[in-house]
Amino acid sequence: MASALSYFPATYQNGYAPQYPIFQQPQVNYSVPQQQQQPVQQPTQQNPANILWVRNEQEAAMYPVAPNNAVPLWDSSSPVLYLKQADASGKPTMKIYDLIERKTPEETASSESGKNIAYATKEELAALAGVVKDVDGVIAGLRDDVNALKKPKKAKKEDDD
């Protein structure tokens, strides 16, 4: 007859308890099929929380920046981006960028063709040319008057000599 000690590990035979590591068994839910136990992966979305919004330039100027770092700050009331930077000593500087929409050549051509362009008729141009000639005549008359005023002064000086 075999002794009862032969059924236990050798460590029990020597009077010591075995030192096995303790592992926790994974919890299995048998009521749910195995394929539904996979963790549901949510689609990755751009996190709008990464955009830092400020109300105006003064608030951007007050925003703290760590030394050797830069922070882009978006203005919530106008299309402006503030880039606040700090050097190694922590001294901040701020650059301001205005956001302007870039248009393709097709967009600019179509927007120019849509403008209301007025053309003058031949009669209107002839009337405008007449007005320009009248103004030219007035300017020429004024030049003659100015030159006439200058000549007597020079002639007077010649008589004095």
Protein backbone atom coordinates (compact mmCIF):
# COMPACT_ATOMS: atom_id res chain seq x y z
CA MET A 1 0.00 0.00 0.00
CA ALA A 2 1.31 3.33 -1.03
CA SER A 3 1.79 5.97 1.50
CA ALA A 4 -0.42 9.04 1.45
CA LEU A 5 2.66 11.26 1.21
CA SER A 6 3.47 10.02 -2.27
CA TYR A 7 0.41 11.87 -3.68
CA PHE A 8 1.70 15.29 -2.57
CA PRO A 9 4.55 17.24 -4.13
CA ALA A 10 7.99 16.80 -2.67
CA THR A 11 7.82 20.09 -0.84
CA TYR A 12 4.90 18.82 1.24
CA GLN A 13 6.89 15.74 1.99
CA ASN A 14 9.63 17.91 3.45
CA GLY A 15 7.12 19.86 5.51
CA TYR A 16 7.09 23.02 3.40
CA ALA A 17 4.20 24.42 1.38
CA PRO A 18 4.80 24.88 -2.35
CA GLN A 19 5.56 28.43 -3.58
CA TYR A 20 3.51 28.72 -6.79
CA PRO A 21 2.78 32.13 -8.30
CA ILE A 22 -0.83 33.21 -7.97
CA PHE A 23 -2.57 33.86 -11.29
CA GLN A 24 -6.04 35.25 -11.65
CA GLN A 25 -8.18 33.43 -14.11
CA PRO A 26 -9.75 35.63 -16.77
CA GLN A 27 -13.45 36.15 -16.30
CA VAL A 28 -15.37 34.53 -19.11
CA ASN A 29 -19.00 35.35 -19.73
CA TYR A 30 -20.46 32.22 -21.26
CA SER A 31 -23.83 33.78 -21.97
CA VAL A 32 -22.33 36.08 -24.67
CA PRO A 33 -20.80 34.54 -27.80
CA GLN A 34 -17.01 34.76 -27.99
CA GLN A 35 -16.85 37.17 -30.94
CA GLN A 36 -18.89 39.82 -29.09
CA GLN A 37 -16.42 39.90 -26.23
CA GLN A 38 -13.91 41.73 -28.41
CA PRO A 39 -13.52 45.32 -27.24
CA VAL A 40 -15.42 47.71 -29.43
CA GLN A 41 -13.01 50.07 -31.13
CA GLN A 42 -14.38 53.54 -31.58
CA PRO A 43 -13.40 55.38 -34.75
CA THR A 44 -10.61 57.86 -34.23
CA GLN A 45 -11.82 61.42 -34.45
CA GLN A 46 -9.95 64.66 -34.53
CA ASN A 47 -10.19 66.06 -31.08
CA PRO A 48 -11.31 69.67 -31.27
CA ALA A 49 -10.10 70.06 -27.69
CA ASN A 50 -6.55 70.30 -29.07
CA ILE A 51 -7.42 73.72 -30.53
CA LEU A 52 -6.92 76.49 -28.01
CA TRP A 53 -9.44 79.30 -28.47
CA VAL A 54 -9.01 82.85 -27.17
CA ARG A 55 -11.43 85.77 -27.38
CA ASN A 56 -9.01 88.46 -28.54
CA GLU A 57 -5.39 89.54 -28.78
CA GLN A 58 -5.22 90.60 -25.13
CA GLU A 59 -6.29 87.15 -23.98
CA ALA A 60 -3.70 85.58 -26.28
CA ALA A 61 -1.03 87.86 -24.80
CA MET A 62 -1.99 86.73 -21.29
CA TYR A 63 -1.89 83.01 -22.16
CA PRO A 64 1.02 81.29 -20.32
CA VAL A 65 3.67 79.47 -22.37
CA ALA A 66 6.38 77.24 -20.91
CA PRO A 67 10.02 78.03 -21.75
CA ASN A 68 11.21 76.64 -25.13
CA ASN A 69 7.62 76.03 -26.25
CA ALA A 70 5.17 77.47 -28.75
CA VAL A 71 1.38 77.49 -28.62
CA PRO A 72 -0.99 78.29 -31.50
CA LEU A 73 -4.02 80.21 -30.25
CA TRP A 74 -7.10 80.63 -32.45
CA ASP A 75 -9.22 83.76 -32.17
CA SER A 76 -12.88 82.85 -31.73
CA SER A 77 -14.18 86.24 -32.91
CA SER A 78 -12.09 86.88 -36.03
CA PRO A 79 -10.01 84.90 -38.57
CA VAL A 80 -6.72 85.36 -36.71
CA LEU A 81 -4.10 82.92 -35.42
CA TYR A 82 -1.71 83.93 -32.64
CA LEU A 83 1.55 82.00 -32.32
CA LYS A 84 2.88 82.58 -28.82
CA GLN A 85 6.43 81.38 -28.17
CA ALA A 86 8.77 81.51 -25.20
CA ASP A 87 12.55 81.35 -25.35
CA ALA A 88 14.77 79.39 -22.93
CA SER A 89 14.52 82.11 -20.29
CA GLY A 90 10.71 82.10 -20.56
CA LYS A 91 10.42 85.49 -22.32
CA PRO A 92 7.30 85.32 -24.51
CA THR A 93 6.89 86.66 -28.04
CA MET A 94 3.79 86.56 -30.16
CA LYS A 95 3.28 86.58 -33.93
CA ILE A 96 -0.12 87.35 -35.42
CA TYR A 97 -1.33 85.75 -38.64
CA ASP A 98 -4.47 86.78 -40.52
CA LEU A 99 -6.25 83.87 -42.16
CA ILE A 100 -7.06 84.69 -45.78
CA GLU A 101 -8.84 82.34 -48.13
CA ARG A 102 -6.68 81.18 -51.01
CA LYS A 103 -8.51 81.22 -54.32
CA THR A 104 -7.65 79.16 -57.36
CA PRO A 105 -7.07 80.95 -60.70
CA GLU A 106 -10.47 79.71 -61.91
CA GLU A 107 -12.21 81.28 -58.92
CA THR A 108 -10.52 84.65 -59.40
CA ALA A 109 -11.32 84.67 -63.14
CA SER A 110 -14.97 83.84 -62.50
CA SER A 111 -15.28 86.47 -59.77
CA GLU A 112 -13.75 89.15 -62.03
CA SER A 113 -16.04 88.29 -64.92
CA GLY A 114 -19.05 88.64 -62.64
CA LYS A 115 -18.29 92.28 -61.75
CA ASN A 116 -20.47 95.02 -63.18
CA ILE A 117 -18.20 96.84 -65.58
CA ALA A 118 -19.63 100.01 -67.11
CA TYR A 119 -18.51 101.18 -70.54
CA ALA A 120 -18.68 104.77 -71.80
CA THR A 121 -20.30 105.57 -75.13
CA LYS A 122 -18.52 107.56 -77.87
CA GLU A 123 -20.65 110.60 -77.09
CA GLU A 124 -19.74 110.44 -73.38
CA LEU A 125 -16.05 110.15 -74.25
CA ALA A 126 -16.29 113.11 -76.65
CA ALA A 127 -17.97 115.19 -73.92
CA LEU A 128 -15.25 114.17 -71.44
CA ALA A 129 -12.55 115.12 -73.97
CA GLY A 130 -14.17 118.56 -74.32
CA VAL A 131 -14.11 119.05 -70.55
CA VAL A 132 -10.44 118.02 -70.42
CA LYS A 133 -9.61 120.56 -73.20
CA ASP A 134 -11.43 123.30 -71.25
CA VAL A 135 -9.53 122.44 -68.06
CA ASP A 136 -6.29 122.37 -70.10
CA GLY A 137 -7.09 125.86 -71.41
CA VAL A 138 -7.72 127.17 -67.90
CA ILE A 139 -4.43 125.68 -66.66
CA ALA A 140 -2.54 127.20 -69.61
CA GLY A 141 -4.13 130.59 -68.87
CA LEU A 142 -3.07 130.35 -65.22
CA ARG A 143 0.49 129.51 -66.28
CA ASP A 144 0.56 132.56 -68.52
CA ASP A 145 -0.71 134.75 -65.67
CA VAL A 146 1.92 133.35 -63.28
CA ASN A 147 4.70 133.89 -65.85
CA ALA A 148 3.44 137.45 -66.47
CA LEU A 149 3.63 138.19 -62.76
CA LYS A 150 7.19 136.89 -62.60
CA LYS A 151 8.49 138.96 -65.56
CA PRO A 152 7.82 142.45 -64.22
CA LYS A 153 9.78 141.67 -61.07
CA LYS A 154 12.78 140.65 -63.17
CA ALA A 155 12.35 143.67 -65.42
CA LYS A 156 12.17 145.96 -62.43
CA LYS A 157 15.42 144.55 -61.12
CA GLU A 158 17.05 145.15 -64.50
CA ASP A 159 15.96 148.79 -64.45
CA ASP A 160 17.44 149.25 -60.97
CA ASP A 161 20.87 148.02 -62.11
